[in-house]
PDB file of N, CA and C in Angstrom:
ATOM      1  N   UNK A   1      81.439 108.675  89.838  1.00  0.00           N
ATOM      2  CA  UNK A   1      82.782 108.295  89.476  1.00  0.00           C
ATOM      3  C   UNK A   1      82.773 107.078  88.536  1.00  0.00           C
ATOM      4  N   UNK A   2      81.919 106.114  88.810  1.00  0.00           N
ATOM      5  CA  UNK A   2      81.868 104.909  87.975  1.00  0.00           C
ATOM      6  C   UNK A   2      81.534 105.275  86.528  1.00  0.00           C
ATOM      7  N   UNK A   3      80.618 106.213  86.348  1.00  0.00           N
ATOM      8  CA  UNK A   3      80.252 106.591  84.978  1.00  0.00           C
ATOM      9  C   UNK A   3      81.427 107.264  84.266  1.00  0.00           C
ATOM     10  N   UNK A   4      82.243 108.025  84.988  1.00  0.00           N
ATOM     11  CA  UNK A   4      83.430 108.639  84.384  1.00  0.00           C
ATOM     12  C   UNK A   4      84.428 107.574  83.949  1.00  0.00           C
ATOM     13  N   UNK A   5      84.633 106.589  84.802  1.00  0.00           N
ATOM     14  CA  UNK A   5      85.559 105.509  84.463  1.00  0.00           C
ATOM     15  C   UNK A   5      85.015 104.723  83.271  1.00  0.00           C
ATOM     16  N   UNK A   6      83.713 104.414  83.297  1.00  0.00           N
ATOM     17  CA  UNK A   6      83.073 103.692  82.193  1.00  0.00           C
ATOM     18  C   UNK A   6      83.268 104.438  80.882  1.00  0.00           C
ATOM     19  N   UNK A   7      82.942 105.731  80.884  1.00  0.00           N
ATOM     20  CA  UNK A   7      83.052 106.531  79.664  1.00  0.00           C
ATOM     21  C   UNK A   7      84.492 106.639  79.179  1.00  0.00           C
ATOM     22  N   UNK A   8      85.445 106.763  80.106  1.00  0.00           N
ATOM     23  CA  UNK A   8      86.846 106.847  79.724  1.00  0.00           C
ATOM     24  C   UNK A   8      87.303 105.550  79.051  1.00  0.00           C
ATOM     25  N   UNK A   9      86.922 104.415  79.633  1.00  0.00           N
ATOM     26  CA  UNK A   9      87.284 103.123  79.039  1.00  0.00           C
ATOM     27  C   UNK A   9      86.649 102.977  77.661  1.00  0.00           C
ATOM     28  N   UNK A  10      85.355 103.292  77.572  1.00  0.00           N
ATOM     29  CA  UNK A  10      84.619 103.138  76.311  1.00  0.00           C
ATOM     30  C   UNK A  10      85.113 104.104  75.240  1.00  0.00           C
ATOM     31  N   UNK A  11      85.192 105.384  75.585  1.00  0.00           N
ATOM     32  CA  UNK A  11      85.557 106.412  74.609  1.00  0.00           C
ATOM     33  C   UNK A  11      86.974 106.239  74.065  1.00  0.00           C
ATOM     34  N   UNK A  12      87.864 105.687  74.881  1.00  0.00           N
ATOM     35  CA  UNK A  12      89.255 105.548  74.474  1.00  0.00           C
ATOM     36  C   UNK A  12      89.638 104.110  74.103  1.00  0.00           C
ATOM     37  N   UNK A  13      88.664 103.213  74.115  1.00  0.00           N
ATOM     38  CA  UNK A  13      88.930 101.817  73.752  1.00  0.00           C
ATOM     39  C   UNK A  13      90.027 101.186  74.590  1.00  0.00           C
ATOM     40  N   UNK A  14      90.006 101.474  75.891  1.00  0.00           N
ATOM     41  CA  UNK A  14      91.100 101.035  76.754  1.00  0.00           C
ATOM     42  C   UNK A  14      91.086  99.543  77.063  1.00  0.00           C
ATOM     43  N   UNK A  15      89.898  98.955  77.101  1.00  0.00           N
ATOM     44  CA  UNK A  15      89.785  97.546  77.483  1.00  0.00           C
ATOM     45  C   UNK A  15      88.944  96.812  76.452  1.00  0.00           C
ATOM     46  N   UNK A  16      89.433  95.634  76.064  1.00  0.00           N
ATOM     47  CA  UNK A  16      88.696  94.782  75.130  1.00  0.00           C
ATOM     48  C   UNK A  16      88.106  93.594  75.874  1.00  0.00           C
ATOM     49  N   UNK A  17      87.105  92.995  75.273  1.00  0.00           N
ATOM     50  CA  UNK A  17      86.494  91.799  75.855  1.00  0.00           C
ATOM     51  C   UNK A  17      87.575  90.740  76.060  1.00  0.00           C
ATOM     52  N   UNK A  18      87.516  90.068  77.183  1.00  0.00           N
ATOM     53  CA  UNK A  18      88.440  89.002  77.572  1.00  0.00           C
ATOM     54  C   UNK A  18      89.850  89.472  77.912  1.00  0.00           C
ATOM     55  N   UNK A  19      90.095  90.793  77.945  1.00  0.00           N
ATOM     56  CA  UNK A  19      91.389  91.283  78.412  1.00  0.00           C
ATOM     57  C   UNK A  19      91.609  90.861  79.859  1.00  0.00           C
ATOM     58  N   UNK A  20      92.860  90.598  80.186  1.00  0.00           N
ATOM     59  CA  UNK A  20      93.264  90.423  81.573  1.00  0.00           C
ATOM     60  C   UNK A  20      93.780  91.770  82.051  1.00  0.00           C
ATOM     61  N   UNK A  21      93.167  92.289  83.096  1.00  0.00           N
ATOM     62  CA  UNK A  21      93.583  93.584  83.624  1.00  0.00           C
ATOM     63  C   UNK A  21      94.343  93.343  84.925  1.00  0.00           C
ATOM     64  N   UNK A  22      95.654  93.580  84.870  1.00  0.00           N
ATOM     65  CA  UNK A  22      96.475  93.487  86.068  1.00  0.00           C
ATOM     66  C   UNK A  22      96.314  94.801  86.810  1.00  0.00           C
ATOM     67  N   UNK A  23      95.713  94.734  87.990  1.00  0.00           N
ATOM     68  CA  UNK A  23      95.476  95.933  88.785  1.00  0.00           C
ATOM     69  C   UNK A  23      96.529  95.989  89.885  1.00  0.00           C
ATOM     70  N   UNK A  24      97.366  97.024  89.827  1.00  0.00           N
ATOM     71  CA  UNK A  24      98.356  97.227  90.872  1.00  0.00           C
ATOM     72  C   UNK A  24      97.658  97.749  92.112  1.00  0.00           C
ATOM     73  N   UNK A  25      97.632  96.941  93.155  1.00  0.00           N
ATOM     74  CA  UNK A  25      96.910  97.306  94.380  1.00  0.00           C
ATOM     75  C   UNK A  25      97.892  97.370  95.543  1.00  0.00           C
ATOM     76  N   UNK A  26      98.064  98.571  96.072  1.00  0.00           N
ATOM     77  CA  UNK A  26      98.963  98.776  97.212  1.00  0.00           C
ATOM     78  C   UNK A  26      98.239  98.561  98.532  1.00  0.00           C
ATOM     79  N   UNK A  27      96.919  98.721  98.503  1.00  0.00           N
ATOM     80  CA  UNK A  27      96.133  98.671  99.728  1.00  0.00           C
ATOM     81  C   UNK A  27      95.705 100.062 100.174  1.00  0.00           C
ATOM     82  N   UNK A  28      96.264 101.087  99.545  1.00  0.00           N
ATOM     83  CA  UNK A  28      95.892 102.460  99.867  1.00  0.00           C
ATOM     84  C   UNK A  28      94.563 102.838  99.218  1.00  0.00           C
ATOM     85  N   UNK A  29      94.017 104.005  99.576  1.00  0.00           N
ATOM     86  CA  UNK A  29      92.692 104.398  99.090  1.00  0.00           C
ATOM     87  C   UNK A  29      92.583 104.534  97.571  1.00  0.00           C
ATOM     88  N   UNK A  30      93.621 105.042  96.899  1.00  0.00           N
ATOM     89  CA  UNK A  30      93.546 105.218  95.446  1.00  0.00           C
ATOM     90  C   UNK A  30      93.460 103.880  94.721  1.00  0.00           C
ATOM     91  N   UNK A  31      94.346 102.944  95.079  1.00  0.00           N
ATOM     92  CA  UNK A  31      94.330 101.663  94.379  1.00  0.00           C
ATOM     93  C   UNK A  31      93.101 100.834  94.745  1.00  0.00           C
ATOM     94  N   UNK A  32      92.607 100.991  95.958  1.00  0.00           N
ATOM     95  CA  UNK A  32      91.384 100.268  96.336  1.00  0.00           C
ATOM     96  C   UNK A  32      90.184 100.837  95.578  1.00  0.00           C
ATOM     97  N   UNK A  33      90.140 102.155  95.402  1.00  0.00           N
ATOM     98  CA  UNK A  33      89.055 102.772  94.622  1.00  0.00           C
ATOM     99  C   UNK A  33      89.101 102.281  93.183  1.00  0.00           C
ATOM    100  N   UNK A  34      90.303 102.192  92.612  1.00  0.00           N
ATOM    101  CA  UNK A  34      90.455 101.680  91.253  1.00  0.00           C
ATOM    102  C   UNK A  34      89.957 100.242  91.170  1.00  0.00           C
ATOM    103  N   UNK A  35      90.370  99.410  92.114  1.00  0.00           N
ATOM    104  CA  UNK A  35      89.950  98.013  92.113  1.00  0.00           C
ATOM    105  C   UNK A  35      88.427  97.901  92.155  1.00  0.00           C
ATOM    106  N   UNK A  36      87.794  98.637  93.053  1.00  0.00           N
ATOM    107  CA  UNK A  36      86.329  98.552  93.175  1.00  0.00           C
ATOM    108  C   UNK A  36      85.613  99.146  91.958  1.00  0.00           C
ATOM    109  N   UNK A  37      86.180 100.186  91.355  1.00  0.00           N
ATOM    110  CA  UNK A  37      85.583 100.743  90.135  1.00  0.00           C
ATOM    111  C   UNK A  37      85.633  99.710  89.012  1.00  0.00           C
ATOM    112  N   UNK A  38      86.780  99.049  88.858  1.00  0.00           N
ATOM    113  CA  UNK A  38      86.891  98.032  87.822  1.00  0.00           C
ATOM    114  C   UNK A  38      85.982  96.837  88.097  1.00  0.00           C
ATOM    115  N   UNK A  39      85.822  96.492  89.357  1.00  0.00           N
ATOM    116  CA  UNK A  39      84.880  95.414  89.706  1.00  0.00           C
ATOM    117  C   UNK A  39      83.465  95.751  89.255  1.00  0.00           C
ATOM    118  N   UNK A  40      83.080  97.019  89.435  1.00  0.00           N
ATOM    119  CA  UNK A  40      81.741  97.468  89.024  1.00  0.00           C
ATOM    120  C   UNK A  40      81.550  97.353  87.514  1.00  0.00           C
ATOM    121  N   UNK A  41      82.630  97.500  86.761  1.00  0.00           N
ATOM    122  CA  UNK A  41      82.541  97.546  85.301  1.00  0.00           C
ATOM    123  C   UNK A  41      82.948  96.242  84.615  1.00  0.00           C
ATOM    124  N   UNK A  42      83.399  95.299  85.386  1.00  0.00           N
ATOM    125  CA  UNK A  42      83.918  94.032  84.863  1.00  0.00           C
ATOM    126  C   UNK A  42      82.947  93.342  83.909  1.00  0.00           C
ATOM    127  N   UNK A  43      81.703  93.207  84.307  1.00  0.00           N
ATOM    128  CA  UNK A  43      80.721  92.503  83.481  1.00  0.00           C
ATOM    129  C   UNK A  43      80.314  93.311  82.254  1.00  0.00           C
ATOM    130  N   UNK A  44      80.276  94.632  82.387  1.00  0.00           N
ATOM    131  CA  UNK A  44      79.880  95.485  81.260  1.00  0.00           C
ATOM    132  C   UNK A  44      80.871  95.364  80.096  1.00  0.00           C
ATOM    133  N   UNK A  45      82.147  95.206  80.405  1.00  0.00           N
ATOM    134  CA  UNK A  45      83.172  95.120  79.365  1.00  0.00           C
ATOM    135  C   UNK A  45      83.668  93.695  79.130  1.00  0.00           C
ATOM    136  N   UNK A  46      83.393  92.791  80.056  1.00  0.00           N
ATOM    137  CA  UNK A  46      83.790  91.393  79.887  1.00  0.00           C
ATOM    138  C   UNK A  46      85.273  91.139  80.051  1.00  0.00           C
ATOM    139  N   UNK A  47      85.921  91.812  81.006  1.00  0.00           N
ATOM    140  CA  UNK A  47      87.344  91.593  81.237  1.00  0.00           C
ATOM    141  C   UNK A  47      87.566  90.828  82.541  1.00  0.00           C
ATOM    142  N   UNK A  48      88.797  90.375  82.714  1.00  0.00           N
ATOM    143  CA  UNK A  48      89.202  89.657  83.928  1.00  0.00           C
ATOM    144  C   UNK A  48      90.089  90.559  84.774  1.00  0.00           C
ATOM    145  N   UNK A  49      89.945  90.463  86.075  1.00  0.00           N
ATOM    146  CA  UNK A  49      90.769  91.254  86.988  1.00  0.00           C
ATOM    147  C   UNK A  49      91.776  90.342  87.672  1.00  0.00           C
ATOM    148  N   UNK A  50      93.039  90.762  87.630  1.00  0.00           N
ATOM    149  CA  UNK A  50      94.131  90.076  88.308  1.00  0.00           C
ATOM    150  C   UNK A  50      94.745  91.074  89.286  1.00  0.00           C
ATOM    151  N   UNK A  51      94.712  90.778  90.562  1.00  0.00           N
ATOM    152  CA  UNK A  51      95.230  91.682  91.582  1.00  0.00           C
ATOM    153  C   UNK A  51      96.726  91.421  91.758  1.00  0.00           C
ATOM    154  N   UNK A  52      97.525  92.491  91.686  1.00  0.00           N
ATOM    155  CA  UNK A  52      98.974  92.372  91.837  1.00  0.00           C
ATOM    156  C   UNK A  52      99.468  93.345  92.906  1.00  0.00           C
ATOM    157  N   UNK A  53     100.324  92.835  93.767  1.00  0.00           N
ATOM    158  CA  UNK A  53     100.877  93.654  94.851  1.00  0.00           C
ATOM    159  C   UNK A  53     102.390  93.469  94.900  1.00  0.00           C
ATOM    160  N   UNK A  54     103.109  94.581  95.024  1.00  0.00           N
ATOM    161  CA  UNK A  54     104.565  94.541  95.162  1.00  0.00           C
ATOM    162  C   UNK A  54     104.931  95.127  96.526  1.00  0.00           C
ATOM    163  N   UNK A  55     105.667  94.330  97.303  1.00  0.00           N
ATOM    164  CA  UNK A  55     106.211  94.800  98.573  1.00  0.00           C
ATOM    165  C   UNK A  55     107.633  95.249  98.269  1.00  0.00           C
ATOM    166  N   UNK A  56     107.873  96.553  98.367  1.00  0.00           N
ATOM    167  CA  UNK A  56     109.158  97.141  97.964  1.00  0.00           C
ATOM    168  C   UNK A  56     110.276  96.934  98.975  1.00  0.00           C
ATOM    169  N   UNK A  57     109.950  96.365 100.126  1.00  0.00           N
ATOM    170  CA  UNK A  57     110.972  96.054 101.113  1.00  0.00           C
ATOM    171  C   UNK A  57     111.520  97.248 101.860  1.00  0.00           C
ATOM    172  N   UNK A  58     110.711  98.299 102.014  1.00  0.00           N
ATOM    173  CA  UNK A  58     111.227  99.496 102.695  1.00  0.00           C
ATOM    174  C   UNK A  58     110.412  99.916 103.916  1.00  0.00           C
ATOM    175  N   UNK A  59     109.260  99.326 104.128  1.00  0.00           N
ATOM    176  CA  UNK A  59     108.416  99.781 105.240  1.00  0.00           C
ATOM    177  C   UNK A  59     108.168  98.709 106.296  1.00  0.00           C
ATOM    178  N   UNK A  60     108.961  97.666 106.297  1.00  0.00           N
ATOM    179  CA  UNK A  60     108.906  96.645 107.329  1.00  0.00           C
ATOM    180  C   UNK A  60     107.527  96.056 107.565  1.00  0.00           C
ATOM    181  N   UNK A  61     107.113  96.073 108.826  1.00  0.00           N
ATOM    182  CA  UNK A  61     105.836  95.470 109.227  1.00  0.00           C
ATOM    183  C   UNK A  61     104.638  96.149 108.574  1.00  0.00           C
ATOM    184  N   UNK A  62     104.725  97.455 108.352  1.00  0.00           N
ATOM    185  CA  UNK A  62     103.618  98.164 107.679  1.00  0.00           C
ATOM    186  C   UNK A  62     103.414  97.628 106.270  1.00  0.00           C
ATOM    187  N   UNK A  63     104.518  97.377 105.572  1.00  0.00           N
ATOM    188  CA  UNK A  63     104.429  96.849 104.211  1.00  0.00           C
ATOM    189  C   UNK A  63     103.863  95.435 104.218  1.00  0.00           C
ATOM    190  N   UNK A  64     104.270  94.631 105.179  1.00  0.00           N
ATOM    191  CA  UNK A  64     103.736  93.276 105.288  1.00  0.00           C
ATOM    192  C   UNK A  64     102.247  93.315 105.595  1.00  0.00           C
ATOM    193  N   UNK A  65     101.845  94.240 106.438  1.00  0.00           N
ATOM    194  CA  UNK A  65     100.424  94.413 106.763  1.00  0.00           C
ATOM    195  C   UNK A  65      99.623  94.770 105.508  1.00  0.00           C
ATOM    196  N   UNK A  66     100.158  95.676 104.687  1.00  0.00           N
ATOM    197  CA  UNK A  66      99.495  96.040 103.427  1.00  0.00           C
ATOM    198  C   UNK A  66      99.384  94.827 102.511  1.00  0.00           C
ATOM    199  N   UNK A  67     100.468  94.067 102.423  1.00  0.00           N
ATOM    200  CA  UNK A  67     100.485  92.885 101.562  1.00  0.00           C
ATOM    201  C   UNK A  67      99.407  91.889 101.995  1.00  0.00           C
ATOM    202  N   UNK A  68      99.309  91.635 103.279  1.00  0.00           N
ATOM    203  CA  UNK A  68      98.310  90.692 103.790  1.00  0.00           C
ATOM    204  C   UNK A  68      96.888  91.222 103.596  1.00  0.00           C
ATOM    205  N   UNK A  69      96.724  92.533 103.738  1.00  0.00           N
ATOM    206  CA  UNK A  69      95.417  93.155 103.508  1.00  0.00           C
ATOM    207  C   UNK A  69      94.965  92.954 102.065  1.00  0.00           C
ATOM    208  N   UNK A  70      95.865  93.221 101.116  1.00  0.00           N
ATOM    209  CA  UNK A  70      95.531  93.078  99.692  1.00  0.00           C
ATOM    210  C   UNK A  70      95.253  91.610  99.371  1.00  0.00           C
ATOM    211  N   UNK A  71      96.048  90.727  99.910  1.00  0.00           N
ATOM    212  CA  UNK A  71      95.832  89.292  99.679  1.00  0.00           C
ATOM    213  C   UNK A  71      94.448  88.866 100.174  1.00  0.00           C
ATOM    214  N   UNK A  72      94.073  89.311 101.370  1.00  0.00           N
ATOM    215  CA  UNK A  72      92.756  88.967 101.926  1.00  0.00           C
ATOM    216  C   UNK A  72      91.632  89.558 101.080  1.00  0.00           C
ATOM    217  N   UNK A  73      91.791  90.798 100.645  1.00  0.00           N
ATOM    218  CA  UNK A  73      90.771  91.436  99.794  1.00  0.00           C
ATOM    219  C   UNK A  73      90.576  90.638  98.514  1.00  0.00           C
ATOM    220  N   UNK A  74      91.671  90.269  97.867  1.00  0.00           N
ATOM    221  CA  UNK A  74      91.587  89.500  96.620  1.00  0.00           C
ATOM    222  C   UNK A  74      90.876  88.173  96.872  1.00  0.00           C
ATOM    223  N   UNK A  75      91.229  87.510  97.955  1.00  0.00           N
ATOM    224  CA  UNK A  75      90.592  86.234  98.293  1.00  0.00           C
ATOM    225  C   UNK A  75      89.100  86.435  98.559  1.00  0.00           C
ATOM    226  N   UNK A  76      88.751  87.472  99.337  1.00  0.00           N
ATOM    227  CA  UNK A  76      87.345  87.757  99.643  1.00  0.00           C
ATOM    228  C   UNK A  76      86.544  88.064  98.384  1.00  0.00           C
ATOM    229  N   UNK A  77      87.188  88.690  97.400  1.00  0.00           N
ATOM    230  CA  UNK A  77      86.526  89.053  96.147  1.00  0.00           C
ATOM    231  C   UNK A  77      86.636  87.949  95.090  1.00  0.00           C
ATOM    232  N   UNK A  78      87.281  86.858  95.468  1.00  0.00           N
ATOM    233  CA  UNK A  78      87.466  85.711  94.573  1.00  0.00           C
ATOM    234  C   UNK A  78      88.208  86.111  93.293  1.00  0.00           C
ATOM    235  N   UNK A  79      89.286  86.878  93.478  1.00  0.00           N
ATOM    236  CA  UNK A  79      90.102  87.340  92.358  1.00  0.00           C
ATOM    237  C   UNK A  79      91.491  86.736  92.442  1.00  0.00           C
ATOM    238  N   UNK A  80      92.099  86.410  91.308  1.00  0.00           N
ATOM    239  CA  UNK A  80      93.472  85.910  91.326  1.00  0.00           C
ATOM    240  C   UNK A  80      94.402  86.966  91.933  1.00  0.00           C
ATOM    241  N   UNK A  81      95.342  86.498  92.763  1.00  0.00           N
ATOM    242  CA  UNK A  81      96.253  87.390  93.476  1.00  0.00           C
ATOM    243  C   UNK A  81      97.695  86.996  93.189  1.00  0.00           C
ATOM    244  N   UNK A  82      98.501  87.989  92.860  1.00  0.00           N
ATOM    245  CA  UNK A  82      99.919  87.795  92.594  1.00  0.00           C
ATOM    246  C   UNK A  82     100.695  88.799  93.438  1.00  0.00           C
ATOM    247  N   UNK A  83     101.798  88.368  94.022  1.00  0.00           N
ATOM    248  CA  UNK A  83     102.610  89.307  94.789  1.00  0.00           C
ATOM    249  C   UNK A  83     104.084  89.020  94.559  1.00  0.00           C
ATOM    250  N   UNK A  84     104.866  90.042  94.832  1.00  0.00           N
ATOM    251  CA  UNK A  84     106.314  89.903  94.718  1.00  0.00           C
ATOM    252  C   UNK A  84     106.965  90.787  95.768  1.00  0.00           C
ATOM    253  N   UNK A  85     107.960  90.244  96.436  1.00  0.00           N
ATOM    254  CA  UNK A  85     108.767  91.010  97.377  1.00  0.00           C
ATOM    255  C   UNK A  85     110.068  91.386  96.677  1.00  0.00           C
ATOM    256  N   UNK A  86     110.428  92.658  96.732  1.00  0.00           N
ATOM    257  CA  UNK A  86     111.629  93.144  96.058  1.00  0.00           C
ATOM    258  C   UNK A  86     112.466  93.995  97.008  1.00  0.00           C
ATOM    259  N   UNK A  87     113.699  94.215  96.643  1.00  0.00           N
ATOM    260  CA  UNK A  87     114.588  95.113  97.366  1.00  0.00           C
ATOM    261  C   UNK A  87     114.768  96.361  96.504  1.00  0.00           C
ATOM    262  N   UNK A  88     113.840  97.277  96.640  1.00  0.00           N
ATOM    263  CA  UNK A  88     113.819  98.470  95.805  1.00  0.00           C
ATOM    264  C   UNK A  88     115.101  99.299  95.964  1.00  0.00           C
ATOM    265  N   UNK A  89     115.516  99.531  97.198  1.00  0.00           N
ATOM    266  CA  UNK A  89     116.697 100.368  97.412  1.00  0.00           C
ATOM    267  C   UNK A  89     117.968  99.695  96.916  1.00  0.00           C
ATOM    268  N   UNK A  90     118.070  98.389  97.086  1.00  0.00           N
ATOM    269  CA  UNK A  90     119.215  97.655  96.558  1.00  0.00           C
ATOM    270  C   UNK A  90     119.264  97.714  95.040  1.00  0.00           C
ATOM    271  N   UNK A  91     118.097  97.544  94.410  1.00  0.00           N
ATOM    272  CA  UNK A  91     117.996  97.624  92.944  1.00  0.00           C
ATOM    273  C   UNK A  91     118.390  99.022  92.475  1.00  0.00           C
ATOM    274  N   UNK A  92     117.926 100.050  93.210  1.00  0.00           N
ATOM    275  CA  UNK A  92     118.258 101.436  92.844  1.00  0.00           C
ATOM    276  C   UNK A  92     119.757 101.665  92.904  1.00  0.00           C
ATOM    277  N   UNK A  93     120.384 101.157  93.956  1.00  0.00           N
ATOM    278  CA  UNK A  93     121.832 101.355  94.137  1.00  0.00           C
ATOM    279  C   UNK A  93     122.620 100.643  93.036  1.00  0.00           C
ATOM    280  N   UNK A  94     122.265  99.393  92.762  1.00  0.00           N
ATOM    281  CA  UNK A  94     122.959  98.613  91.730  1.00  0.00           C
ATOM    282  C   UNK A  94     122.833  99.268  90.358  1.00  0.00           C
ATOM    283  N   UNK A  95     121.642  99.795  90.070  1.00  0.00           N
ATOM    284  CA  UNK A  95     121.369 100.373  88.751  1.00  0.00           C
ATOM    285  C   UNK A  95     121.594 101.880  88.681  1.00  0.00           C
ATOM    286  N   UNK A  96     122.048 102.465  89.786  1.00  0.00           N
ATOM    287  CA  UNK A  96     122.361 103.901  89.860  1.00  0.00           C
ATOM    288  C   UNK A  96     121.175 104.768  89.398  1.00  0.00           C
ATOM    289  N   UNK A  97     120.004 104.451  89.974  1.00  0.00           N
ATOM    290  CA  UNK A  97     118.788 105.213  89.696  1.00  0.00           C
ATOM    291  C   UNK A  97     118.134 105.567  91.027  1.00  0.00           C
ATOM    292  N   UNK A  98     117.154 106.449  90.984  1.00  0.00           N
ATOM    293  CA  UNK A  98     116.458 106.827  92.206  1.00  0.00           C
ATOM    294  C   UNK A  98     115.605 105.656  92.708  1.00  0.00           C
ATOM    295  N   UNK A  99     115.297 105.685  93.973  1.00  0.00           N
ATOM    296  CA  UNK A  99     114.420 104.655  94.535  1.00  0.00           C
ATOM    297  C   UNK A  99     113.055 104.682  93.865  1.00  0.00           C
ATOM    298  N   UNK A 100     112.565 105.882  93.553  1.00  0.00           N
ATOM    299  CA  UNK A 100     111.270 105.999  92.886  1.00  0.00           C
ATOM    300  C   UNK A 100     111.285 105.304  91.520  1.00  0.00           C
ATOM    301  N   UNK A 101     112.337 105.543  90.742  1.00  0.00           N
ATOM    302  CA  UNK A 101     112.468 104.903  89.432  1.00  0.00           C
ATOM    303  C   UNK A 101     112.631 103.394  89.588  1.00  0.00           C
ATOM    304  N   UNK A 102     113.399 102.972  90.573  1.00  0.00           N
ATOM    305  CA  UNK A 102     113.587 101.540  90.823  1.00  0.00           C
ATOM    306  C   UNK A 102     112.255 100.879  91.147  1.00  0.00           C
ATOM    307  N   UNK A 103     111.473 101.512  92.005  1.00  0.00           N
ATOM    308  CA  UNK A 103     110.163 100.971  92.351  1.00  0.00           C
ATOM    309  C   UNK A 103     109.273 100.839  91.133  1.00  0.00           C
ATOM    310  N   UNK A 104     109.292 101.846  90.292  1.00  0.00           N
ATOM    311  CA  UNK A 104     108.481 101.827  89.064  1.00  0.00           C
ATOM    312  C   UNK A 104     108.925 100.691  88.144  1.00  0.00           C
ATOM    313  N   UNK A 105     110.244 100.560  87.925  1.00  0.00           N
ATOM    314  CA  UNK A 105     110.755  99.493  87.062  1.00  0.00           C
ATOM    315  C   UNK A 105     110.393  98.114  87.603  1.00  0.00           C
ATOM    316  N   UNK A 106     110.556  97.928  88.901  1.00  0.00           N
ATOM    317  CA  UNK A 106     110.257  96.627  89.505  1.00  0.00           C
ATOM    318  C   UNK A 106     108.764  96.305  89.432  1.00  0.00           C
ATOM    319  N   UNK A 107     107.920  97.307  89.707  1.00  0.00           N
ATOM    320  CA  UNK A 107     106.464  97.087  89.642  1.00  0.00           C
ATOM    321  C   UNK A 107     106.022  96.713  88.233  1.00  0.00           C
ATOM    322  N   UNK A 108     106.382  97.553  87.274  1.00  0.00           N
ATOM    323  CA  UNK A 108     105.918  97.311  85.903  1.00  0.00           C
ATOM    324  C   UNK A 108     106.528  96.042  85.311  1.00  0.00           C
ATOM    325  N   UNK A 109     107.756  95.735  85.686  1.00  0.00           N
ATOM    326  CA  UNK A 109     108.349  94.478  85.249  1.00  0.00           C
ATOM    327  C   UNK A 109     107.544  93.293  85.761  1.00  0.00           C
ATOM    328  N   UNK A 110     107.134  93.359  87.010  1.00  0.00           N
ATOM    329  CA  UNK A 110     106.322  92.292  87.601  1.00  0.00           C
ATOM    330  C   UNK A 110     104.957  92.205  86.918  1.00  0.00           C
ATOM    331  N   UNK A 111     104.329  93.350  86.702  1.00  0.00           N
ATOM    332  CA  UNK A 111     103.011  93.352  86.050  1.00  0.00           C
ATOM    333  C   UNK A 111     103.104  92.750  84.644  1.00  0.00           C
ATOM    334  N   UNK A 112     104.160  93.077  83.929  1.00  0.00           N
ATOM    335  CA  UNK A 112     104.356  92.531  82.578  1.00  0.00           C
ATOM    336  C   UNK A 112     104.608  91.022  82.622  1.00  0.00           C
ATOM    337  N   UNK A 113     105.334  90.551  83.650  1.00  0.00           N
ATOM    338  CA  UNK A 113     105.548  89.107  83.826  1.00  0.00           C
ATOM    339  C   UNK A 113     104.206  88.386  83.982  1.00  0.00           C
ATOM    340  N   UNK A 114     103.327  88.964  84.764  1.00  0.00           N
ATOM    341  CA  UNK A 114     102.005  88.356  84.982  1.00  0.00           C
ATOM    342  C   UNK A 114     101.269  88.240  83.652  1.00  0.00           C
ATOM    343  N   UNK A 115     101.242  89.322  82.882  1.00  0.00           N
ATOM    344  CA  UNK A 115     100.546  89.285  81.592  1.00  0.00           C
ATOM    345  C   UNK A 115     101.179  88.299  80.624  1.00  0.00           C
ATOM    346  N   UNK A 116     102.491  88.159  80.678  1.00  0.00           N
ATOM    347  CA  UNK A 116     103.165  87.213  79.795  1.00  0.00           C
ATOM    348  C   UNK A 116     102.659  85.787  80.051  1.00  0.00           C
ATOM    349  N   UNK A 117     102.415  85.472  81.312  1.00  0.00           N
ATOM    350  CA  UNK A 117     101.941  84.139  81.685  1.00  0.00           C
ATOM    351  C   UNK A 117     100.427  84.010  81.503  1.00  0.00           C
ATOM    352  N   UNK A 118      99.684  85.040  81.871  1.00  0.00           N
ATOM    353  CA  UNK A 118      98.225  84.972  81.891  1.00  0.00           C
ATOM    354  C   UNK A 118      97.573  85.271  80.544  1.00  0.00           C
ATOM    355  N   UNK A 119      98.267  85.955  79.666  1.00  0.00           N
ATOM    356  CA  UNK A 119      97.717  86.260  78.351  1.00  0.00           C
ATOM    357  C   UNK A 119      97.482  87.746  78.142  1.00  0.00           C
ATOM    358  N   UNK A 120      96.898  88.044  77.000  1.00  0.00           N
ATOM    359  CA  UNK A 120      96.668  89.435  76.579  1.00  0.00           C
ATOM    360  C   UNK A 120      96.007  90.269  77.659  1.00  0.00           C
ATOM    361  N   UNK A 121      96.349  91.528  77.682  1.00  0.00           N
ATOM    362  CA  UNK A 121      95.699  92.398  78.640  1.00  0.00           C
ATOM    363  C   UNK A 121      96.381  93.727  78.828  1.00  0.00           C
ATOM    364  N   UNK A 122      96.018  94.360  79.913  1.00  0.00           N
ATOM    365  CA  UNK A 122      96.470  95.711  80.215  1.00  0.00           C
ATOM    366  C   UNK A 122      96.872  95.788  81.690  1.00  0.00           C
ATOM    367  N   UNK A 123      97.558  96.868  82.019  1.00  0.00           N
ATOM    368  CA  UNK A 123      97.949  97.165  83.394  1.00  0.00           C
ATOM    369  C   UNK A 123      97.171  98.395  83.827  1.00  0.00           C
ATOM    370  N   UNK A 124      96.591  98.328  85.015  1.00  0.00           N
ATOM    371  CA  UNK A 124      95.852  99.473  85.563  1.00  0.00           C
ATOM    372  C   UNK A 124      96.456  99.828  86.922  1.00  0.00           C
ATOM    373  N   UNK A 125      96.851 101.080  87.069  1.00  0.00           N
ATOM    374  CA  UNK A 125      97.373 101.572  88.337  1.00  0.00           C
ATOM    375  C   UNK A 125      96.679 102.889  88.676  1.00  0.00           C
ATOM    376  N   UNK A 126      96.708 103.214  89.928  1.00  0.00           N
ATOM    377  CA  UNK A 126      96.059 104.437  90.382  1.00  0.00           C
ATOM    378  C   UNK A 126      97.067 105.541  90.638  1.00  0.00           C
ATOM    379  N   UNK A 127      98.260 105.421  90.074  1.00  0.00           N
ATOM    380  CA  UNK A 127      99.293 106.440  90.266  1.00  0.00           C
ATOM    381  C   UNK A 127      98.962 107.657  89.426  1.00  0.00           C
ATOM    382  N   UNK A 128      99.352 108.799  89.923  1.00  0.00           N
ATOM    383  CA  UNK A 128      99.038 110.044  89.238  1.00  0.00           C
ATOM    384  C   UNK A 128      99.996 110.357  88.089  1.00  0.00           C
ATOM    385  N   UNK A 129     101.224 109.827  88.126  1.00  0.00           N
ATOM    386  CA  UNK A 129     102.206 110.188  87.091  1.00  0.00           C
ATOM    387  C   UNK A 129     102.039 109.333  85.873  1.00  0.00           C
TER     388      UNK A 129
END
């Protein structure tokens, strides 16, 4: 899998040296696999990893548990960690959009805020869409 990710990054010029890569990490298996794959390739491409987590405010204690898990992982890996708590359903209602679209807007808005402060870079997520 690592070689596929390496080749995809290289062949498509996805990451440049010194890029800041904001990795959206939910704590689930897909985002954790992405985080560890990028960790394996970090030195080969010379980029920085910034871990970002959004708590959408819909899963109560389970969501808080995920948030704390991601925070601990980032700390254990000595990676910068950013998080934001949002009211996804409230945002969806106010903006008359689906909860899924609201979650996407809130996540990507947060990821872009991080890059605005941290400098040039890219956003990496493990979502299928």
